[in-house]
């Protein structure tokens, strides 16, 4: 059974240099499309086939909001190389990495009364992640 660890020490590096204090990352996973293959001549109402193309994941990144940073520049950027580095496991020398090409597709801000301000970027991967195991 693989060891489970906390996310403290995880980081995201953007080729263009987007920098923010990351609070949380949510990677929704790679999907295999399920295609409805029903037809009028068939009596089976639940025919499905599975696609061969994998859908790249979306990455949702919650950050501490810095109101002096221009969030529009991130949305206007072209797709770029993004590297997620996970914490180094106990006794290891480096954390695992996931590298993919992606683009920020949305940004939202949360400004509550008497609490910290946060922002959320949604990044759509345009390629499947390349995985490198921790060492």
C-alpha atoms as a PDB file:
ATOM      1  CA  UNK A   1       0.000   0.000   0.000  1.00  0.00           C
ATOM      2  CA  UNK A   2       1.326   3.423  -0.953  1.00  0.00           C
ATOM      3  CA  UNK A   3       2.078   5.950   1.764  1.00  0.00           C
ATOM      4  CA  UNK A   4      -0.270   8.905   2.062  1.00  0.00           C
ATOM      5  CA  UNK A   5       1.118  12.320   2.890  1.00  0.00           C
ATOM      6  CA  UNK A   6      -0.100  15.894   3.291  1.00  0.00           C
ATOM      7  CA  UNK A   7      -0.004  18.409   0.448  1.00  0.00           C
ATOM      8  CA  UNK A   8       2.203  20.921   2.282  1.00  0.00           C
ATOM      9  CA  UNK A   9       5.197  21.628   0.079  1.00  0.00           C
ATOM     10  CA  UNK A  10       3.374  21.075  -3.214  1.00  0.00           C
ATOM     11  CA  UNK A  11       3.968  23.694  -5.879  1.00  0.00           C
ATOM     12  CA  UNK A  12       2.924  24.675  -9.384  1.00  0.00           C
ATOM     13  CA  UNK A  13       5.351  26.215 -11.856  1.00  0.00           C
ATOM     14  CA  UNK A  14       4.095  28.021 -14.937  1.00  0.00           C
ATOM     15  CA  UNK A  15       6.365  28.582 -17.910  1.00  0.00           C
ATOM     16  CA  UNK A  16       5.341  32.280 -17.967  1.00  0.00           C
ATOM     17  CA  UNK A  17       6.104  32.677 -14.276  1.00  0.00           C
ATOM     18  CA  UNK A  18       2.639  33.020 -12.695  1.00  0.00           C
ATOM     19  CA  UNK A  19       3.320  33.249  -8.997  1.00  0.00           C
ATOM     20  CA  UNK A  20       0.775  33.016  -6.216  1.00  0.00           C
ATOM     21  CA  UNK A  21       0.401  31.616  -2.705  1.00  0.00           C
ATOM     22  CA  UNK A  22      -1.434  28.368  -3.368  1.00  0.00           C
ATOM     23  CA  UNK A  23      -3.993  27.215  -0.815  1.00  0.00           C
ATOM     24  CA  UNK A  24      -5.479  24.229  -2.604  1.00  0.00           C
ATOM     25  CA  UNK A  25      -5.233  22.277  -5.872  1.00  0.00           C
ATOM     26  CA  UNK A  26      -8.018  20.109  -7.243  1.00  0.00           C
ATOM     27  CA  UNK A  27      -7.218  17.920 -10.248  1.00  0.00           C
ATOM     28  CA  UNK A  28     -10.415  16.433 -11.615  1.00  0.00           C
ATOM     29  CA  UNK A  29      -8.758  13.529 -13.417  1.00  0.00           C
ATOM     30  CA  UNK A  30      -8.424  12.136 -16.899  1.00  0.00           C
ATOM     31  CA  UNK A  31     -11.622  10.795 -18.455  1.00  0.00           C
ATOM     32  CA  UNK A  32     -12.476   8.175 -21.031  1.00  0.00           C
ATOM     33  CA  UNK A  33     -15.560   9.296 -22.965  1.00  0.00           C
ATOM     34  CA  UNK A  34     -18.617   7.044 -22.744  1.00  0.00           C
ATOM     35  CA  UNK A  35     -20.595   7.158 -25.974  1.00  0.00           C
ATOM     36  CA  UNK A  36     -24.296   6.348 -26.138  1.00  0.00           C
ATOM     37  CA  UNK A  37     -24.737   3.824 -28.954  1.00  0.00           C
ATOM     38  CA  UNK A  38     -28.494   3.210 -28.814  1.00  0.00           C
ATOM     39  CA  UNK A  39     -30.359   2.892 -32.078  1.00  0.00           C
ATOM     40  CA  UNK A  40     -33.981   2.594 -33.082  1.00  0.00           C
ATOM     41  CA  UNK A  41     -33.711  -1.012 -34.311  1.00  0.00           C
ATOM     42  CA  UNK A  42     -32.276  -2.285 -31.045  1.00  0.00           C
ATOM     43  CA  UNK A  43     -34.262  -3.354 -28.012  1.00  0.00           C
ATOM     44  CA  UNK A  44     -31.397  -2.768 -25.590  1.00  0.00           C
ATOM     45  CA  UNK A  45     -31.813   0.688 -24.045  1.00  0.00           C
ATOM     46  CA  UNK A  46     -28.409   0.864 -22.385  1.00  0.00           C
ATOM     47  CA  UNK A  47     -25.837   0.301 -25.129  1.00  0.00           C
ATOM     48  CA  UNK A  48     -22.586   2.108 -24.498  1.00  0.00           C
ATOM     49  CA  UNK A  49     -19.195   2.126 -26.130  1.00  0.00           C
ATOM     50  CA  UNK A  50     -15.998   3.603 -24.770  1.00  0.00           C
ATOM     51  CA  UNK A  51     -13.955   6.126 -26.684  1.00  0.00           C
ATOM     52  CA  UNK A  52     -10.244   5.679 -27.288  1.00  0.00           C
ATOM     53  CA  UNK A  53      -9.270   9.304 -26.734  1.00  0.00           C
ATOM     54  CA  UNK A  54      -8.553  10.373 -23.171  1.00  0.00           C
ATOM     55  CA  UNK A  55      -9.840  13.769 -22.058  1.00  0.00           C
ATOM     56  CA  UNK A  56      -7.157  15.875 -20.330  1.00  0.00           C
ATOM     57  CA  UNK A  57      -8.031  17.017 -16.792  1.00  0.00           C
ATOM     58  CA  UNK A  58      -8.922  20.412 -15.399  1.00  0.00           C
ATOM     59  CA  UNK A  59      -6.917  21.877 -12.560  1.00  0.00           C
ATOM     60  CA  UNK A  60      -8.607  24.220 -10.076  1.00  0.00           C
ATOM     61  CA  UNK A  61      -6.127  26.287  -8.082  1.00  0.00           C
ATOM     62  CA  UNK A  62      -7.206  28.299  -5.048  1.00  0.00           C
ATOM     63  CA  UNK A  63      -4.831  31.110  -4.102  1.00  0.00           C
ATOM     64  CA  UNK A  64      -4.465  33.874  -1.543  1.00  0.00           C
ATOM     65  CA  UNK A  65      -5.793  36.874  -3.463  1.00  0.00           C
ATOM     66  CA  UNK A  66      -3.286  39.622  -4.141  1.00  0.00           C
ATOM     67  CA  UNK A  67      -5.327  42.562  -5.418  1.00  0.00           C
ATOM     68  CA  UNK A  68      -2.179  44.168  -6.875  1.00  0.00           C
ATOM     69  CA  UNK A  69      -1.675  41.304  -9.361  1.00  0.00           C
ATOM     70  CA  UNK A  70      -3.285  41.437 -12.809  1.00  0.00           C
ATOM     71  CA  UNK A  71      -5.357  38.257 -13.108  1.00  0.00           C
ATOM     72  CA  UNK A  72      -6.361  39.182 -16.699  1.00  0.00           C
ATOM     73  CA  UNK A  73      -2.785  38.632 -17.886  1.00  0.00           C
ATOM     74  CA  UNK A  74      -3.011  34.997 -16.795  1.00  0.00           C
ATOM     75  CA  UNK A  75      -6.238  34.494 -18.762  1.00  0.00           C
ATOM     76  CA  UNK A  76      -4.778  36.169 -21.859  1.00  0.00           C
ATOM     77  CA  UNK A  77      -1.639  33.984 -21.870  1.00  0.00           C
ATOM     78  CA  UNK A  78      -1.272  31.279 -24.509  1.00  0.00           C
ATOM     79  CA  UNK A  79      -1.200  27.605 -23.439  1.00  0.00           C
ATOM     80  CA  UNK A  80       2.008  26.910 -21.565  1.00  0.00           C
ATOM     81  CA  UNK A  81       3.970  24.185 -19.804  1.00  0.00           C
ATOM     82  CA  UNK A  82       2.730  23.640 -16.247  1.00  0.00           C
ATOM     83  CA  UNK A  83       4.570  21.507 -13.691  1.00  0.00           C
ATOM     84  CA  UNK A  84       2.997  20.281 -10.461  1.00  0.00           C
ATOM     85  CA  UNK A  85       5.594  19.128  -7.946  1.00  0.00           C
ATOM     86  CA  UNK A  86       4.408  17.098  -4.986  1.00  0.00           C
ATOM     87  CA  UNK A  87       6.147  16.998  -1.583  1.00  0.00           C
ATOM     88  CA  UNK A  88       9.232  14.835  -1.183  1.00  0.00           C
ATOM     89  CA  UNK A  89       8.193  11.656   0.637  1.00  0.00           C
ATOM     90  CA  UNK A  90       9.850  10.724   3.929  1.00  0.00           C
ATOM     91  CA  UNK A  91      13.299   9.326   3.162  1.00  0.00           C
ATOM     92  CA  UNK A  92      13.102  10.474  -0.465  1.00  0.00           C
ATOM     93  CA  UNK A  93      15.177  12.948  -2.439  1.00  0.00           C
ATOM     94  CA  UNK A  94      12.512  14.488  -4.682  1.00  0.00           C
ATOM     95  CA  UNK A  95       8.743  14.687  -5.043  1.00  0.00           C
ATOM     96  CA  UNK A  96       6.738  13.294  -7.928  1.00  0.00           C
ATOM     97  CA  UNK A  97       5.900  15.647 -10.801  1.00  0.00           C
ATOM     98  CA  UNK A  98       3.078  15.960 -13.321  1.00  0.00           C
ATOM     99  CA  UNK A  99       3.910  18.036 -16.406  1.00  0.00           C
ATOM    100  CA  UNK A 100       1.354  19.098 -19.004  1.00  0.00           C
ATOM    101  CA  UNK A 101       0.409  21.939 -21.317  1.00  0.00           C
ATOM    102  CA  UNK A 102      -2.569  24.004 -20.221  1.00  0.00           C
ATOM    103  CA  UNK A 103      -4.262  27.377 -20.196  1.00  0.00           C
ATOM    104  CA  UNK A 104      -6.161  29.336 -17.560  1.00  0.00           C
ATOM    105  CA  UNK A 105      -9.792  29.518 -18.699  1.00  0.00           C
ATOM    106  CA  UNK A 106     -11.440  31.308 -15.768  1.00  0.00           C
ATOM    107  CA  UNK A 107     -10.771  33.318 -12.633  1.00  0.00           C
ATOM    108  CA  UNK A 108     -13.023  34.180  -9.706  1.00  0.00           C
ATOM    109  CA  UNK A 109     -12.424  36.089  -6.476  1.00  0.00           C
ATOM    110  CA  UNK A 110     -13.918  35.697  -3.015  1.00  0.00           C
ATOM    111  CA  UNK A 111     -13.829  38.781  -0.748  1.00  0.00           C
ATOM    112  CA  UNK A 112     -15.638  37.960   2.514  1.00  0.00           C
ATOM    113  CA  UNK A 113     -16.151  40.210   5.520  1.00  0.00           C
ATOM    114  CA  UNK A 114     -13.452  39.660   8.171  1.00  0.00           C
ATOM    115  CA  UNK A 115     -11.792  36.701   6.487  1.00  0.00           C
ATOM    116  CA  UNK A 116      -8.974  36.205   4.004  1.00  0.00           C
ATOM    117  CA  UNK A 117      -9.540  37.054   0.348  1.00  0.00           C
ATOM    118  CA  UNK A 118      -9.016  34.203  -2.105  1.00  0.00           C
ATOM    119  CA  UNK A 119      -9.003  33.693  -5.833  1.00  0.00           C
ATOM    120  CA  UNK A 120      -9.594  30.622  -7.962  1.00  0.00           C
ATOM    121  CA  UNK A 121      -8.123  29.839 -11.366  1.00  0.00           C
ATOM    122  CA  UNK A 122      -9.443  27.009 -13.526  1.00  0.00           C
ATOM    123  CA  UNK A 123      -6.791  25.654 -15.857  1.00  0.00           C
ATOM    124  CA  UNK A 124      -7.708  23.346 -18.720  1.00  0.00           C
ATOM    125  CA  UNK A 125      -4.987  20.887 -19.665  1.00  0.00           C
ATOM    126  CA  UNK A 126      -4.535  20.544 -23.413  1.00  0.00           C
ATOM    127  CA  UNK A 127      -2.258  17.508 -23.129  1.00  0.00           C
ATOM    128  CA  UNK A 128      -2.265  14.495 -20.843  1.00  0.00           C
ATOM    129  CA  UNK A 129       0.095  14.818 -17.854  1.00  0.00           C
ATOM    130  CA  UNK A 130       3.514  13.181 -18.015  1.00  0.00           C
ATOM    131  CA  UNK A 131       4.125  11.518 -14.655  1.00  0.00           C
ATOM    132  CA  UNK A 132       7.505  11.229 -12.967  1.00  0.00           C
ATOM    133  CA  UNK A 133       7.581   9.207  -9.756  1.00  0.00           C
ATOM    134  CA  UNK A 134       9.208  10.525  -6.578  1.00  0.00           C
ATOM    135  CA  UNK A 135      12.734   9.427  -5.780  1.00  0.00           C
END
